[in-house]
Structure formats: C-alpha cells, structure tokens
Protein backbone atom coordinates (compact mmCIF):
# COMPACT_ATOMS: atom_id res chain seq x y z
CA MET A 1 118.02 85.16 129.40
CA LEU A 2 117.54 86.95 126.14
CA VAL A 3 117.48 90.77 125.96
CA ASP A 4 116.66 92.06 122.28
CA LEU A 5 117.39 95.76 121.76
CA ARG A 6 117.79 95.82 118.07
CA SER A 7 114.67 97.61 117.62
CA ASP A 8 111.44 98.72 118.95
CA THR A 9 109.77 96.98 116.03
CA LEU A 10 110.59 93.67 117.82
CA THR A 11 107.63 93.91 120.32
CA LYS A 12 105.02 91.64 120.25
CA PRO A 13 101.41 92.15 121.14
CA SER A 14 100.62 91.91 124.75
CA PRO A 15 98.10 88.92 125.69
CA GLU A 16 95.39 91.75 126.16
CA MET A 17 96.37 93.17 122.98
CA ARG A 18 95.53 89.84 121.24
CA ARG A 19 92.35 89.18 122.88
CA ILE A 20 91.24 92.75 121.77
CA MET A 21 92.20 91.87 118.30
CA ALA A 22 90.36 88.80 118.27
CA GLU A 23 87.30 90.51 119.27
CA ALA A 24 87.41 93.18 117.18
CA GLU A 25 84.25 94.28 114.66
CA VAL A 26 85.39 94.26 111.34
CA GLY A 27 84.19 95.18 107.92
CA ASP A 28 85.40 95.94 104.24
CA ASP A 29 87.92 98.82 104.95
CA VAL A 30 88.22 99.32 101.03
CA PHE A 31 84.61 100.09 101.21
CA GLY A 32 85.06 102.32 104.33
CA GLU A 33 83.01 99.59 106.33
CA ASP A 34 85.18 98.49 108.74
CA PRO A 35 84.01 100.28 112.09
CA THR A 36 87.31 99.24 114.17
CA VAL A 37 89.53 100.94 111.31
CA ASN A 38 87.10 104.20 111.38
CA ARG A 39 87.30 104.25 115.26
CA LEU A 40 91.09 104.23 115.38
CA GLN A 41 91.23 106.82 112.54
CA GLU A 42 89.01 109.31 114.55
CA LEU A 43 91.23 108.66 117.71
CA ALA A 44 94.48 109.14 115.83
CA ALA A 45 93.00 112.30 114.45
CA GLU A 46 92.04 113.49 117.77
CA ILE A 47 95.32 112.88 119.56
CA LEU A 48 97.23 114.21 116.59
CA GLY A 49 95.28 117.41 116.28
CA LYS A 50 94.18 117.01 112.75
CA GLU A 51 91.08 116.87 110.76
CA MET A 52 91.41 113.08 109.51
CA ALA A 53 93.76 110.49 109.80
CA LEU A 54 94.22 107.18 107.75
CA PHE A 55 95.47 103.93 108.77
CA MET A 56 98.49 102.67 106.78
CA PRO A 57 100.12 99.21 106.25
CA SER A 58 103.71 100.43 107.23
CA GLY A 59 105.47 103.79 108.14
CA THR A 60 107.46 103.68 104.73
CA MET A 61 104.32 103.63 102.79
CA ALA A 62 102.75 106.39 104.98
CA ASN A 63 105.91 108.62 104.40
CA GLN A 64 105.72 108.09 100.71
CA ALA A 65 102.24 108.70 100.33
CA ALA A 66 102.48 111.94 102.22
CA ILE A 67 105.43 112.81 99.61
CA GLY A 68 103.12 112.09 96.85
CA ALA A 69 100.11 113.97 98.26
CA HIS A 70 102.22 117.08 98.72
CA THR A 71 104.35 117.34 95.67
CA GLN A 72 104.31 116.83 91.74
CA PRO A 73 106.81 114.91 89.74
CA GLY A 74 109.95 117.41 89.31
CA ASP A 75 109.70 118.96 92.80
CA GLU A 76 112.14 118.93 95.48
CA VAL A 77 112.04 118.20 99.14
CA ILE A 78 114.15 120.08 101.75
CA CYS A 79 115.14 117.49 104.42
CA GLU A 80 117.96 116.25 107.15
CA ALA A 81 120.77 114.14 105.57
CA SER A 82 120.15 111.37 108.15
CA CYS A 83 116.63 111.04 107.74
CA HIS A 84 114.50 107.98 107.00
CA ILE A 85 113.34 108.78 103.62
CA ARG A 86 116.85 109.42 102.25
CA ASN A 87 118.48 106.59 103.65
CA PHE A 88 116.15 103.55 104.62
CA GLU A 89 113.24 103.81 101.88
CA CYS A 90 114.87 102.33 98.92
CA GLY A 91 114.92 105.20 96.96
CA SER A 92 111.13 105.59 96.89
CA PRO A 93 110.88 109.33 96.79
CA ALA A 94 112.21 109.37 93.32
CA ALA A 95 110.77 105.86 92.35
CA LEU A 96 107.33 106.62 93.22
CA SER A 97 106.92 110.30 93.21
CA GLY A 98 109.67 111.74 90.79
CA VAL A 99 110.84 113.94 93.62
CA THR A 100 114.25 115.01 94.38
CA LEU A 101 115.67 115.40 98.15
CA ASN A 102 117.74 118.56 98.71
CA TYR A 103 119.42 117.58 102.21
CA ILE A 104 120.89 119.41 104.93
CA GLU A 105 123.67 118.05 106.80
CA GLY A 106 122.40 119.13 110.26
CA ARG A 107 123.14 118.62 113.75
CA ARG A 108 121.58 115.48 115.55
CA GLY A 109 118.94 115.07 112.95
CA SER A 110 117.77 118.59 112.88
CA PHE A 111 118.43 121.85 111.06
CA THR A 112 117.45 125.69 111.32
CA ALA A 113 115.10 127.64 109.63
CA GLY A 114 117.96 129.52 108.04
CA GLU A 115 119.61 126.56 106.56
CA ALA A 116 116.54 125.63 105.19
CA ARG A 117 115.95 128.90 103.76
CA ALA A 118 119.17 128.87 101.89
CA ARG A 119 118.14 125.53 100.20
CA LEU A 120 115.05 126.96 98.62
CA ARG A 121 114.87 127.29 95.18
CA PRO A 122 114.81 130.76 93.17
CA ASP A 123 111.79 131.08 90.75
CA ASN A 124 113.85 130.02 87.74
CA SER A 125 112.81 127.30 85.28
CA HIS A 126 116.23 125.78 85.34
CA TYR A 127 115.72 124.60 89.13
CA PRO A 128 112.97 122.24 90.64
CA ILE A 129 110.52 123.59 92.71
CA SER A 130 111.10 123.46 96.62
CA ARG A 131 107.53 122.14 97.77
CA LEU A 132 108.30 120.45 101.02
CA ILE A 133 109.96 120.85 104.19
CA TRP A 134 110.37 117.43 105.92
CA VAL A 135 111.29 117.11 109.52
CA GLU A 136 111.97 113.88 111.48
CA ASN A 137 111.23 113.65 114.97
CA SER A 138 112.71 111.71 116.80
CA SER A 139 115.76 111.34 114.56
CA ASN A 140 116.48 107.46 114.35
CA ARG A 141 120.09 108.10 113.15
CA ALA A 142 120.80 110.67 115.20
CA GLY A 143 120.17 108.36 118.46
CA GLY A 144 116.67 109.42 119.28
CA ALA A 145 117.53 113.05 119.26
CA ILE A 146 114.58 115.52 119.79
CA PHE A 147 114.20 118.35 116.91
CA PRO A 148 113.52 121.54 118.91
CA GLN A 149 110.07 122.56 118.83
CA SER A 150 111.18 126.25 118.90
CA GLU A 151 112.99 125.86 115.46
CA ILE A 152 109.78 124.10 114.16
CA LEU A 153 108.04 126.93 114.91
CA ARG A 154 110.54 129.25 112.54
CA LEU A 155 110.23 126.77 110.01
CA ARG A 156 106.32 127.00 110.10
CA GLN A 157 106.76 130.58 109.35
CA LEU A 158 109.45 129.94 106.76
CA ALA A 159 106.80 127.48 104.91
CA ASP A 160 104.25 130.19 105.13
CA GLU A 161 106.34 132.74 103.64
CA ASN A 162 107.15 130.80 100.62
CA GLY A 163 103.71 128.79 100.13
CA ILE A 164 105.39 125.48 100.70
CA ALA A 165 104.19 122.44 103.10
CA LEU A 166 105.70 121.58 105.99
CA HIS A 167 105.53 117.70 107.08
CA LEU A 168 106.50 115.48 110.25
CA ASP A 169 107.86 112.07 110.06
CA GLY A 170 106.87 111.47 113.65
CA ALA A 171 107.41 107.36 113.69
CA ARG A 172 108.15 108.15 117.40
CA ILE A 173 106.41 111.09 118.24
CA TRP A 174 105.00 109.35 121.05
CA ASN A 175 108.28 108.69 122.50
CA VAL A 176 108.95 112.74 122.18
CA SER A 177 105.88 113.58 123.70
CA ALA A 178 106.77 111.48 126.64
CA ALA A 179 110.03 112.96 127.06
CA LEU A 180 109.05 116.43 126.63
CA GLY A 181 105.52 116.23 128.58
CA ILE A 182 104.34 117.88 125.47
CA ALA A 183 100.81 116.63 124.14
CA GLU A 184 101.49 114.96 120.47
CA LYS A 185 98.67 117.55 119.29
CA GLU A 186 100.95 120.32 120.09
CA LEU A 187 104.10 118.90 118.58
CA ALA A 188 101.94 118.42 115.64
CA ALA A 189 100.33 121.72 115.45
CA PRO A 190 102.77 123.45 113.26
CA PHE A 191 102.71 120.99 110.28
CA ASP A 192 100.39 120.57 107.43
CA SER A 193 100.67 116.81 107.95
CA VAL A 194 101.82 113.94 110.31
CA ASN A 195 102.91 110.35 110.47
CA ALA A 196 103.09 108.13 113.28
CA CYS A 197 103.90 104.74 113.73
CA LEU A 198 101.94 101.94 115.80
CA SER A 199 104.33 99.11 115.67
CA LYS A 200 107.51 100.43 117.34
CA GLY A 201 107.46 101.31 120.92
CA LEU A 202 103.44 101.00 121.16
CA GLY A 203 103.79 97.34 120.44
CA CYS A 204 101.34 96.79 117.84
CA PRO A 205 101.74 94.10 115.26
CA VAL A 206 101.67 96.38 111.89
CA GLY A 207 100.62 99.68 111.22
CA SER A 208 101.14 103.49 110.84
CA LEU A 209 98.77 106.54 110.57
CA THR A 210 98.89 109.51 108.37
CA ALA A 211 97.11 112.71 109.58
CA GLY A 212 96.16 115.84 108.45
CA SER A 213 93.33 117.81 106.41
CA ARG A 214 90.26 116.50 104.79
CA ASP A 215 91.70 117.19 101.22
CA PHE A 216 95.25 116.04 102.23
CA ILE A 217 93.97 112.65 103.42
CA LYS A 218 91.77 112.28 100.21
CA LYS A 219 94.95 112.50 98.15
CA VAL A 220 96.82 109.78 100.47
CA HIS A 221 94.03 107.71 100.32
CA ARG A 222 94.11 107.52 96.51
CA LEU A 223 98.07 106.94 96.65
CA ARG A 224 97.31 104.11 99.54
CA LYS A 225 95.43 102.18 96.94
CA ARG A 226 98.09 103.12 93.82
CA PHE A 227 100.97 101.34 96.38
CA GLY A 228 98.64 98.44 96.92
CA GLY A 229 97.82 99.27 100.67
CA GLY A 230 94.11 98.98 100.45
CA MET A 231 93.10 96.50 103.09
CA ARG A 232 89.79 94.69 103.90
CA GLN A 233 88.90 93.36 107.37
CA ALA A 234 91.81 95.48 108.97
CA GLY A 235 89.79 96.01 112.09
CA ILE A 236 91.96 93.06 113.54
CA LEU A 237 95.02 95.22 113.08
CA ALA A 238 93.28 98.51 114.09
CA ALA A 239 92.03 97.05 117.41
CA ALA A 240 95.74 96.74 118.54
CA GLY A 241 96.18 100.34 117.55
CA ILE A 242 93.39 101.55 119.65
CA TYR A 243 94.50 99.50 122.36
CA ALA A 244 98.32 100.81 122.13
CA LEU A 245 96.89 104.50 121.78
CA THR A 246 94.64 103.99 125.04
CA HIS A 247 97.06 102.08 127.30
CA HIS A 248 100.77 102.08 126.03
CA ARG A 249 101.66 105.83 125.56
CA GLU A 250 102.07 106.75 129.11
CA ARG A 251 104.41 103.88 129.72
CA LEU A 252 106.74 105.26 127.28
CA LYS A 253 108.48 107.41 129.70
CA GLU A 254 110.01 104.04 131.27
CA ASP A 255 111.42 103.35 127.88
CA ASN A 256 113.09 106.49 127.67
CA ALA A 257 114.62 106.45 131.43
CA ARG A 258 115.91 102.81 130.57
CA ALA A 259 117.85 104.02 127.35
CA ARG A 260 119.33 106.92 129.70
CA ARG A 261 120.42 104.50 132.03
CA LEU A 262 122.01 102.31 129.51
CA ALA A 263 123.49 105.25 127.57
CA GLU A 264 125.19 106.39 131.07
CA THR A 265 126.60 102.92 131.79
CA MET A 266 128.14 102.74 128.33
CA ALA A 267 129.40 106.43 128.57
CA GLU A 268 131.66 105.14 131.49
CA ILE A 269 133.19 102.32 129.48
CA PRO A 270 136.41 103.58 127.52
CA LEU A 271 135.65 101.36 124.33
CA PHE A 272 132.57 103.44 123.93
CA SER A 273 131.85 106.98 122.73
CA ILE A 274 128.42 108.43 123.07
CA ASP A 275 126.84 111.86 122.59
CA LEU A 276 124.93 111.67 126.09
CA GLU A 277 123.12 115.02 125.04
CA ALA A 278 121.34 113.14 121.92
CA VAL A 279 119.96 110.26 124.07
CA GLN A 280 116.80 112.23 124.70
CA THR A 281 114.14 109.37 124.12
CA ASN A 282 114.67 105.32 123.59
CA ILE A 283 117.47 105.05 121.30
CA VAL A 284 121.10 104.67 122.07
CA ILE A 285 123.85 104.99 119.37
CA VAL A 286 127.33 104.47 120.65
CA GLN A 287 130.73 104.53 118.75
CA VAL A 288 133.22 101.87 119.10
CA SER A 289 136.29 103.55 119.58
CA SER A 290 139.19 100.98 119.35
CA ASP A 291 141.36 99.57 116.63
CA LYS A 292 141.15 96.11 118.34
CA ILE A 293 137.75 95.46 118.41
CA ASN A 294 135.05 96.72 115.98
CA ALA A 295 131.29 96.84 116.03
CA PRO A 296 130.13 93.72 114.41
CA GLU A 297 132.68 92.05 117.14
CA VAL A 298 131.32 93.65 119.84
CA SER A 299 127.95 92.91 118.86
CA GLU A 300 128.75 88.97 118.38
CA MET A 301 130.11 89.01 121.90
CA LEU A 302 126.97 90.66 123.32
CA ARG A 303 124.88 88.16 121.51
CA LYS A 304 126.46 85.05 122.78
CA GLU A 305 125.54 86.42 126.21
CA GLY A 306 122.05 87.07 125.22
CA VAL A 307 121.88 90.73 124.68
CA LEU A 308 121.18 91.63 121.00
CA CYS A 309 121.98 95.06 119.41
CA LEU A 310 122.46 96.24 115.83
CA PRO A 311 125.84 97.15 114.51
CA MET A 312 125.62 100.00 112.00
CA GLY A 313 129.32 100.63 110.38
CA ASN A 314 131.42 101.17 113.49
CA THR A 315 128.65 102.21 115.64
CA ILE A 316 126.32 99.94 117.64
CA ARG A 317 122.38 101.03 118.32
CA MET A 318 120.38 99.91 121.22
CA VAL A 319 116.59 100.42 121.52
CA THR A 320 114.45 100.27 124.57
CA HIS A 321 110.67 99.16 124.11
CA LEU A 322 107.66 97.53 125.43
CA ASP A 323 109.38 94.10 125.89
CA VAL A 324 112.26 95.10 127.77
CA ASP A 325 111.86 95.63 131.45
CA ASP A 326 114.04 96.95 134.26
CA HIS A 327 115.46 93.13 134.88
CA GLY A 328 116.46 93.26 131.24
CA ILE A 329 118.22 96.59 131.07
CA ASP A 330 120.07 95.48 134.30
CA TYR A 331 121.30 92.22 132.80
CA ALA A 332 122.25 94.32 129.65
CA ILE A 333 124.27 96.75 131.99
CA GLN A 334 126.13 93.91 133.81
CA THR A 335 127.08 92.32 130.52
CA LEU A 336 128.70 95.38 129.20
CA GLN A 337 130.41 96.05 132.57
CA ARG A 338 131.77 92.11 132.42
CA LEU A 339 132.64 92.08 129.02
CA PHE A 340 133.99 95.43 128.34
CA GLY A 341 134.54 97.30 131.33
CA SER A 342 138.26 96.24 131.43
CA LEU A 343 139.08 96.87 128.04
C-alpha cells in the first residue's frame, strides 16, 4: 500500500473531473474568449466576494503578480518570517518587483497589528515606503495554523489608517473555511486582494486564482502577461477548477479531521514533539526529538513501508488530501506506531 502524505499538491484529477476537462468548451483566453475560463473567474469572484478574479498558472505567479500590482520598486512589504513569499519563491519579490520584505518573527505564522505597526516606516527619504501588509492563511510552515480573524480585522484598521494595502495569500483558504465554518468571502472581506490555490486540496492539476477590484485585476492581468502566464485554450484547466469549487470544498473537513487524527497519534509517540494546537487544518509538522535518529532517517523508514512524508531539517511534514482516505490514514497510523511506538 502507498500513502503519499508529502503534499496536497500530489492529488490527481478524479475520473469525473477528467471527463469535465475533456468536454470543456474552449477559446483563446489571451483574447478573453475562453468561455470556461470566464465562468471560472466569475465563480471565484463570487465565492471570494471580490469584484473580479483572474485565473493564474501557479500560486507563485499569483503571489508575485499581487505584489507587483500593489507596489513600486523600492517599496517594502510587511510579512511573517515563515511565509511562502519569503522562503519558497526564489527571491521573486526582489527579482521581479524590486521590493524588500520587512518580516516579523510571529507565532504560528501570524502576527499582531501592534507588531505590524512597529514595522511601518516613518515618512523619511532614508527609508523604503511601507506599501503592503501580507498575510498567509493558513500558514504552511506553521503546520496549517489559522491566522486569527480578529487580528486580521485589526490589521485592516491599521492599513486604512496608513493608506496601505492588505493582501491575503490564501493558498489553502478552502481548508481554513472548512475548519472554521466561515465562508471564504467573509474570510477574504478585510483584504484588498486574495490569492487562492486550486491544485492543492481541491485536486486540480494546475492553477490558482487572484481576486480583487477591477483596477487591481487589470494590473495583475498585465503582470501575468509580463511573467509569461498568458494561456490560450485554458478552459481545459479551468473546467477542473469549476468542478473542484463546486464539488470538493465541502469535503475538506474530512482532510482536516484526518490530519488531526494523525497528529494526535504522533503526539503519543515519545520520538515526536508536536504543537497540537497548531494542527488546525490539513498539515501536520512534527519535530524528531532524538539524538539517535533524525528526520530523513525516519522518512526513509516510513518510505520503505509505503508511507511518504517530507523531511524538512529535523522536522517531518505530513499533509492530508483528496487522495488519502480513512483507510490510508489508518495504515499510516499503524505504521507509525509499529515502527516508532517503542522507541
């Protein structure tokens, strides 16, 4: 048996999603003439509560286009130290938009409005201009922890007081919505713009969405073209997104519950150290607490038994998703207990 928990990007289109893709009506999206892409963008804008949305080839491009649309070269973006744009996007904020990241060492991927206020630059020619506050929800490196919505509302007030933008990197906003029972449009409401991924827990083969005002999306559309993201008969891909948004959001509660089961099991094994309060969605990150075995060795032992995970330093990440059912989680739990329960 193979249980692949390395990432929720490993999901494969379901047979029904493949059928919908094969039958999709298409046109040239660069001309704005792909009807399926247009339907996806309209649906996404409605779900996220924004004026318009744009289909993007990847989450990284969506993030970087959002930065470029909100800033000018030399500006500064306030973010949390563990966020995706700082750690996993190849230095793109500097390379593509000429901005610097003023990062806060937060807690579980979040920070307070007070901490952000302390990072705002004075109006002085020696300093970069604080132009954008960046929130990631849920936080990948914090094990899927949720950014408190009450603090997001305070960040909105701070942004308004200082005339700066507030953006949500909501790659896994769907999991956050499922966990809290709060609609995505309510989670996104305090933000000027939002990105959301289709190719993680929703099971699409590719794609992300950027949503915001009409003027903002016009800027993002130009940057998508500049970054090489113009697509032609993209309706084949957009059809998967429509299917996923219609059929796969509700079931994300199952992924969150399975992650919790996995985390609670690992918390009982002395080899592992885990912040159970941070396991709020579909990601589990555990520390290997031993000087006799390290995370890569633990990962290799699990791999030989058919359970795949991702070692990161001396931690292990496991992510639940569409292609791992209860039987798969049961097998992973039994394997963990058998291999490491007596250590």
